[in-house]
C-alpha atoms as a PDB file:
ATOM      1  CA  MET A   1     -46.104-104.878  12.377  1.00  0.00           C
ATOM      2  CA  ASP A   2     -49.367-103.233  12.219  1.00  0.00           C
ATOM      3  CA  PRO A   3     -51.862-105.359  10.049  1.00  0.00           C
ATOM      4  CA  THR A   4     -54.010-102.316   8.925  1.00  0.00           C
ATOM      5  CA  THR A   5     -51.052-100.074   7.990  1.00  0.00           C
ATOM      6  CA  GLY A   6     -47.650-102.383   7.508  1.00  0.00           C
ATOM      7  CA  ALA A   7     -46.136 -99.874   9.610  1.00  0.00           C
ATOM      8  CA  ALA A   8     -43.639-101.280  12.286  1.00  0.00           C
ATOM      9  CA  PRO A   9     -44.977-100.884  15.815  1.00  0.00           C
ATOM     10  CA  CYS A  10     -43.533 -98.136  18.035  1.00  0.00           C
ATOM     11  CA  SER A  11     -44.433 -96.854  21.385  1.00  0.00           C
ATOM     12  CA  PRO A  12     -46.547 -93.791  21.531  1.00  0.00           C
ATOM     13  CA  LEU A  13     -44.121 -91.308  22.265  1.00  0.00           C
ATOM     14  CA  GLN A  14     -41.547 -92.689  19.963  1.00  0.00           C
ATOM     15  CA  ALA A  15     -43.998 -91.998  17.831  1.00  0.00           C
ATOM     16  CA  LEU A  16     -43.912 -88.213  18.692  1.00  0.00           C
ATOM     17  CA  SER A  17     -40.082 -88.554  17.855  1.00  0.00           C
ATOM     18  CA  ILE A  18     -39.821 -89.638  14.394  1.00  0.00           C
ATOM     19  CA  VAL A  19     -38.845 -86.258  12.998  1.00  0.00           C
ATOM     20  CA  ARG A  20     -35.783 -84.634  13.958  1.00  0.00           C
ATOM     21  CA  ASP A  21     -35.740 -80.950  14.096  1.00  0.00           C
ATOM     22  CA  VAL A  22     -32.264 -79.742  13.477  1.00  0.00           C
ATOM     23  CA  THR A  23     -32.658 -76.223  14.784  1.00  0.00           C
ATOM     24  CA  THR A  24     -32.341 -77.242  18.603  1.00  0.00           C
ATOM     25  CA  SER A  25     -29.135 -78.769  20.446  1.00  0.00           C
ATOM     26  CA  PRO A  26     -29.616 -81.500  21.364  1.00  0.00           C
ATOM     27  CA  PRO A  27     -32.153 -82.376  18.720  1.00  0.00           C
ATOM     28  CA  THR A  28     -35.730 -82.207  20.027  1.00  0.00           C
ATOM     29  CA  PRO A  29     -38.133 -83.684  17.587  1.00  0.00           C
ATOM     30  CA  PRO A  30     -40.900 -81.012  16.645  1.00  0.00           C
ATOM     31  CA  SER A  31     -43.788 -83.216  18.123  1.00  0.00           C
ATOM     32  CA  ARG A  32     -41.945 -83.842  21.348  1.00  0.00           C
ATOM     33  CA  ARG A  33     -41.482 -80.388  22.009  1.00  0.00           C
ATOM     34  CA  ALA A  34     -45.233 -79.878  21.062  1.00  0.00           C
ATOM     35  CA  PHE A  35     -46.388 -82.325  23.325  1.00  0.00           C
ATOM     36  CA  ARG A  36     -44.096 -80.507  26.314  1.00  0.00           C
ATOM     37  CA  SER A  37     -45.238 -77.430  25.518  1.00  0.00           C
ATOM     38  CA  LEU A  38     -49.077 -78.749  25.870  1.00  0.00           C
ATOM     39  CA  ALA A  39     -48.038 -80.413  28.935  1.00  0.00           C
ATOM     40  CA  SER A  40     -46.404 -77.479  30.649  1.00  0.00           C
ATOM     41  CA  THR A  41     -49.608 -75.517  29.778  1.00  0.00           C
ATOM     42  CA  ILE A  42     -52.160 -78.129  31.157  1.00  0.00           C
ATOM     43  CA  VAL A  43     -49.760 -78.424  34.246  1.00  0.00           C
ATOM     44  CA  PRO A  44     -47.835 -75.535  34.520  1.00  0.00           C
ATOM     45  CA  GLY A  45     -45.396 -76.997  37.098  1.00  0.00           C
ATOM     46  CA  ALA A  46     -44.363 -79.383  34.287  1.00  0.00           C
ATOM     47  CA  ALA A  47     -42.378 -76.446  32.672  1.00  0.00           C
ATOM     48  CA  GLU A  48     -39.736 -76.936  35.646  1.00  0.00           C
ATOM     49  CA  LEU A  49     -38.929 -80.257  34.834  1.00  0.00           C
ATOM     50  CA  ASP A  50     -35.424 -81.417  34.052  1.00  0.00           C
ATOM     51  CA  ALA A  51     -34.615 -84.070  31.349  1.00  0.00           C
ATOM     52  CA  GLU A  52     -34.977 -86.798  34.085  1.00  0.00           C
ATOM     53  CA  GLY A  53     -38.398 -85.601  34.834  1.00  0.00           C
ATOM     54  CA  TRP A  54     -39.692 -85.481  31.527  1.00  0.00           C
ATOM     55  CA  GLU A  55     -38.298 -89.251  30.782  1.00  0.00           C
ATOM     56  CA  ASP A  56     -40.357 -90.210  33.858  1.00  0.00           C
ATOM     57  CA  LEU A  57     -43.484 -88.205  32.990  1.00  0.00           C
ATOM     58  CA  GLU A  58     -43.272 -89.755  29.103  1.00  0.00           C
ATOM     59  CA  THR A  59     -42.600 -93.383  30.411  1.00  0.00           C
ATOM     60  CA  ARG A  60     -45.610 -93.296  32.532  1.00  0.00           C
ATOM     61  CA  ILE A  61     -47.675 -92.175  29.821  1.00  0.00           C
ATOM     62  CA  GLU A  62     -46.228 -94.724  27.258  1.00  0.00           C
ATOM     63  CA  ALA A  63     -46.899 -97.160  29.879  1.00  0.00           C
ATOM     64  CA  ALA A  64     -50.593 -96.126  29.908  1.00  0.00           C
ATOM     65  CA  LEU A  65     -50.979 -96.105  26.273  1.00  0.00           C
ATOM     66  CA  ARG A  66     -48.916 -99.234  25.530  1.00  0.00           C
ATOM     67  CA  SER A  67     -52.201-101.304  25.865  1.00  0.00           C
ATOM     68  CA  ARG A  68     -54.335 -98.929  23.654  1.00  0.00           C
ATOM     69  CA  PRO A  69     -54.874 -99.849  20.046  1.00  0.00           C
ATOM     70  CA  PRO A  70     -52.389 -98.387  17.505  1.00  0.00           C
ATOM     71  CA  ARG A  71     -55.319 -96.384  16.261  1.00  0.00           C
ATOM     72  CA  LEU A  72     -55.764 -94.430  19.375  1.00  0.00           C
ATOM     73  CA  GLN A  73     -52.169 -93.848  19.529  1.00  0.00           C
ATOM     74  CA  ARG A  74     -51.899 -92.598  15.873  1.00  0.00           C
ATOM     75  CA  GLN A  75     -54.821 -90.069  16.832  1.00  0.00           C
ATOM     76  CA  LEU A  76     -53.161 -88.919  19.596  1.00  0.00           C
ATOM     77  CA  HIS A  77     -49.973 -88.294  17.826  1.00  0.00           C
ATOM     78  CA  LEU A  78     -52.233 -86.495  15.110  1.00  0.00           C
ATOM     79  CA  LEU A  79     -54.062 -84.446  17.864  1.00  0.00           C
ATOM     80  CA  VAL A  80     -50.799 -83.232  19.212  1.00  0.00           C
ATOM     81  CA  LEU A  81     -49.313 -82.233  15.840  1.00  0.00           C
ATOM     82  CA  ALA A  82     -52.749 -80.415  14.933  1.00  0.00           C
ATOM     83  CA  LEU A  83     -52.663 -78.460  18.043  1.00  0.00           C
ATOM     84  CA  GLU A  84     -49.209 -77.350  17.737  1.00  0.00           C
ATOM     85  CA  TRP A  85     -50.055 -76.067  14.148  1.00  0.00           C
ATOM     86  CA  SER A  86     -53.579 -74.488  14.254  1.00  0.00           C
ATOM     87  CA  PRO A  87     -52.593 -71.352  15.856  1.00  0.00           C
ATOM     88  CA  VAL A  88     -50.669 -70.579  13.035  1.00  0.00           C
ATOM     89  CA  LEU A  89     -53.739 -69.605  11.245  1.00  0.00           C
ATOM     90  CA  ARG A  90     -54.490 -67.062  14.098  1.00  0.00           C
ATOM     91  CA  HIS A  91     -51.615 -66.152  15.659  1.00  0.00           C
ATOM     92  CA  GLY A  92     -48.868 -66.595  12.933  1.00  0.00           C
ATOM     93  CA  ARG A  93     -46.923 -68.981  15.154  1.00  0.00           C
ATOM     94  CA  ARG A  94     -47.042 -72.613  16.099  1.00  0.00           C
ATOM     95  CA  PHE A  95     -48.258 -73.504  19.870  1.00  0.00           C
ATOM     96  CA  SER A  96     -45.027 -74.209  21.222  1.00  0.00           C
ATOM     97  CA  SER A  97     -43.935 -70.759  20.285  1.00  0.00           C
ATOM     98  CA  LEU A  98     -46.828 -69.013  21.802  1.00  0.00           C
ATOM     99  CA  ASP A  99     -46.760 -67.313  25.592  1.00  0.00           C
ATOM    100  CA  ALA A 100     -48.124 -69.229  28.267  1.00  0.00           C
ATOM    101  CA  GLY A 101     -51.289 -66.879  28.268  1.00  0.00           C
ATOM    102  CA  ARG A 102     -52.001 -67.722  24.474  1.00  0.00           C
ATOM    103  CA  ARG A 103     -51.629 -71.228  25.065  1.00  0.00           C
ATOM    104  CA  THR A 104     -54.293 -71.345  27.949  1.00  0.00           C
ATOM    105  CA  LYS A 105     -56.792 -69.472  25.905  1.00  0.00           C
ATOM    106  CA  ILE A 106     -56.237 -72.056  23.160  1.00  0.00           C
ATOM    107  CA  LEU A 107     -56.717 -74.860  25.333  1.00  0.00           C
ATOM    108  CA  ASP A 108     -59.431 -73.554  27.220  1.00  0.00           C
ATOM    109  CA  ARG A 109     -61.493 -72.826  24.068  1.00  0.00           C
ATOM    110  CA  LEU A 110     -60.808 -76.461  22.997  1.00  0.00           C
ATOM    111  CA  GLN A 111     -61.989 -78.013  25.983  1.00  0.00           C
ATOM    112  CA  ARG A 112     -65.398 -76.097  25.631  1.00  0.00           C
ATOM    113  CA  SER A 113     -65.458 -76.905  21.661  1.00  0.00           C
ATOM    114  CA  PRO A 114     -68.992 -77.666  20.298  1.00  0.00           C
ATOM    115  CA  LYS A 115     -67.184 -80.197  18.514  1.00  0.00           C
ATOM    116  CA  LEU A 116     -67.270 -83.386  20.568  1.00  0.00           C
ATOM    117  CA  LEU A 117     -64.749 -85.244  19.208  1.00  0.00           C
ATOM    118  CA  LEU A 118     -62.197 -82.162  19.901  1.00  0.00           C
ATOM    119  CA  ARG A 119     -63.270 -82.075  23.575  1.00  0.00           C
ATOM    120  CA  ARG A 120     -62.776 -86.052  23.946  1.00  0.00           C
ATOM    121  CA  GLY A 121     -59.359 -85.644  22.268  1.00  0.00           C
ATOM    122  CA  PHE A 122     -58.224 -82.628  24.666  1.00  0.00           C
ATOM    123  CA  TRP A 123     -59.494 -84.580  27.907  1.00  0.00           C
ATOM    124  CA  GLY A 124     -57.867 -87.634  27.147  1.00  0.00           C
ATOM    125  CA  LEU A 125     -54.543 -85.880  26.164  1.00  0.00           C
ATOM    126  CA  ARG A 126     -55.171 -83.709  29.591  1.00  0.00           C
ATOM    127  CA  THR A 127     -55.819 -87.133  31.527  1.00  0.00           C
ATOM    128  CA  LEU A 128     -52.551 -88.688  30.049  1.00  0.00           C
ATOM    129  CA  VAL A 129     -50.461 -85.491  31.193  1.00  0.00           C
ATOM    130  CA  LEU A 130     -52.324 -85.427  34.526  1.00  0.00           C
ATOM    131  CA  LEU A 131     -51.429 -89.181  35.133  1.00  0.00           C
ATOM    132  CA  GLY A 132     -47.781 -88.569  33.911  1.00  0.00           C
ATOM    133  CA  TYR A 133     -46.923 -85.521  36.010  1.00  0.00           C
ATOM    134  CA  TYR A 134     -48.730 -86.549  39.269  1.00  0.00           C
ATOM    135  CA  GLY A 135     -47.971 -90.239  39.085  1.00  0.00           C
ATOM    136  CA  ARG A 136     -44.268 -89.436  39.556  1.00  0.00           C
ATOM    137  CA  PRO A 137     -43.505 -90.435  43.334  1.00  0.00           C
ATOM    138  CA  GLU A 138     -41.974 -87.054  44.616  1.00  0.00           C
ATOM    139  CA  VAL A 139     -44.994 -85.039  43.140  1.00  0.00           C
ATOM    140  CA  ARG A 140     -47.574 -87.604  44.858  1.00  0.00           C
ATOM    141  CA  HIS A 141     -45.907 -86.819  48.169  1.00  0.00           C
ATOM    142  CA  GLY A 142     -45.639 -83.202  47.501  1.00  0.00           C
ATOM    143  CA  VAL A 143     -49.337 -82.516  47.027  1.00  0.00           C
ATOM    144  CA  GLY A 144     -50.053 -85.260  50.188  1.00  0.00           C
ATOM    145  CA  TYR A 145     -51.650 -87.923  47.882  1.00  0.00           C
ATOM    146  CA  ARG A 146     -51.484 -91.324  49.884  1.00  0.00           C
ATOM    147  CA  ALA A 147     -53.158 -93.824  48.050  1.00  0.00           C
ATOM    148  CA  HIS A 148     -54.431 -96.940  50.241  1.00  0.00           C
ATOM    149  CA  ARG A 149     -56.115 -99.975  48.748  1.00  0.00           C
ATOM    150  CA  ASP A 150     -58.761 -99.654  51.587  1.00  0.00           C
ATOM    151  CA  GLY A 151     -59.567 -96.304  50.619  1.00  0.00           C
ATOM    152  CA  TRP A 152     -61.542 -94.091  53.143  1.00  0.00           C
ATOM    153  CA  ALA A 153     -61.460 -96.801  55.742  1.00  0.00           C
ATOM    154  CA  ALA A 154     -57.736 -96.086  56.335  1.00  0.00           C
ATOM    155  CA  LEU A 155     -58.119 -92.549  56.751  1.00  0.00           C
ATOM    156  CA  MET A 156     -60.753 -93.335  59.558  1.00  0.00           C
ATOM    157  CA  GLY A 157     -58.365 -95.387  61.341  1.00  0.00           C
ATOM    158  CA  GLU A 158     -60.119 -98.792  60.833  1.00  0.00           C
ATOM    159  CA  PRO A 159     -57.718-101.776  60.767  1.00  0.00           C
ATOM    160  CA  ASP A 160     -56.502-102.939  57.430  1.00  0.00           C
ATOM    161  CA  LYS A 161     -58.756-105.749  56.527  1.00  0.00           C
ATOM    162  CA  PHE A 162     -56.382-107.173  54.169  1.00  0.00           C
ATOM    163  CA  GLY A 163     -53.566-107.708  56.428  1.00  0.00           C
ATOM    164  CA  GLY A 164     -49.851-106.123  56.223  1.00  0.00           C
ATOM    165  CA  ASP A 165     -49.212-102.416  55.100  1.00  0.00           C
ATOM    166  CA  GLY A 166     -52.242-101.551  53.085  1.00  0.00           C
ATOM    167  CA  GLY A 167     -50.369-101.251  50.031  1.00  0.00           C
ATOM    168  CA  GLY A 168     -50.043 -97.515  50.166  1.00  0.00           C
ATOM    169  CA  ASP A 169     -47.282 -95.283  49.742  1.00  0.00           C
ATOM    170  CA  PRO A 170     -45.297 -94.933  53.124  1.00  0.00           C
END
């Protein structure tokens, strides 16, 4: 129970799933559809994800947000909803209904906004999407990312100063 609001706790992306949209089959909550269209605009490769890929991406983001304050989680939810509905004023359609070019222009304007709060919100959302997408093992391997606890020393062929395999991906 959140002491400030009295609301029952839920995961950040579950908060995006509270309202069901009966126009799609299977039902997809409007805010989840908005989040996925934002994620697909930030990382175009995300548009090709299947249900399992989206589940993995969202699980990684949920894990990253779990330790964050409920207030921040609510702000993220509100940002996603605001980004979904703000294009209605200019384009007559929600963000998720726009073509990729218009969505990209909207996010480009947002990341360069004179309003610091908007820029911070977008960059936070962008960071989470990048974490969720590129944190997936198949994508990490696909781009050649090989994290190693010894950092650059491992790339230079220096021996592992901690012993063992270095803790990096095989």
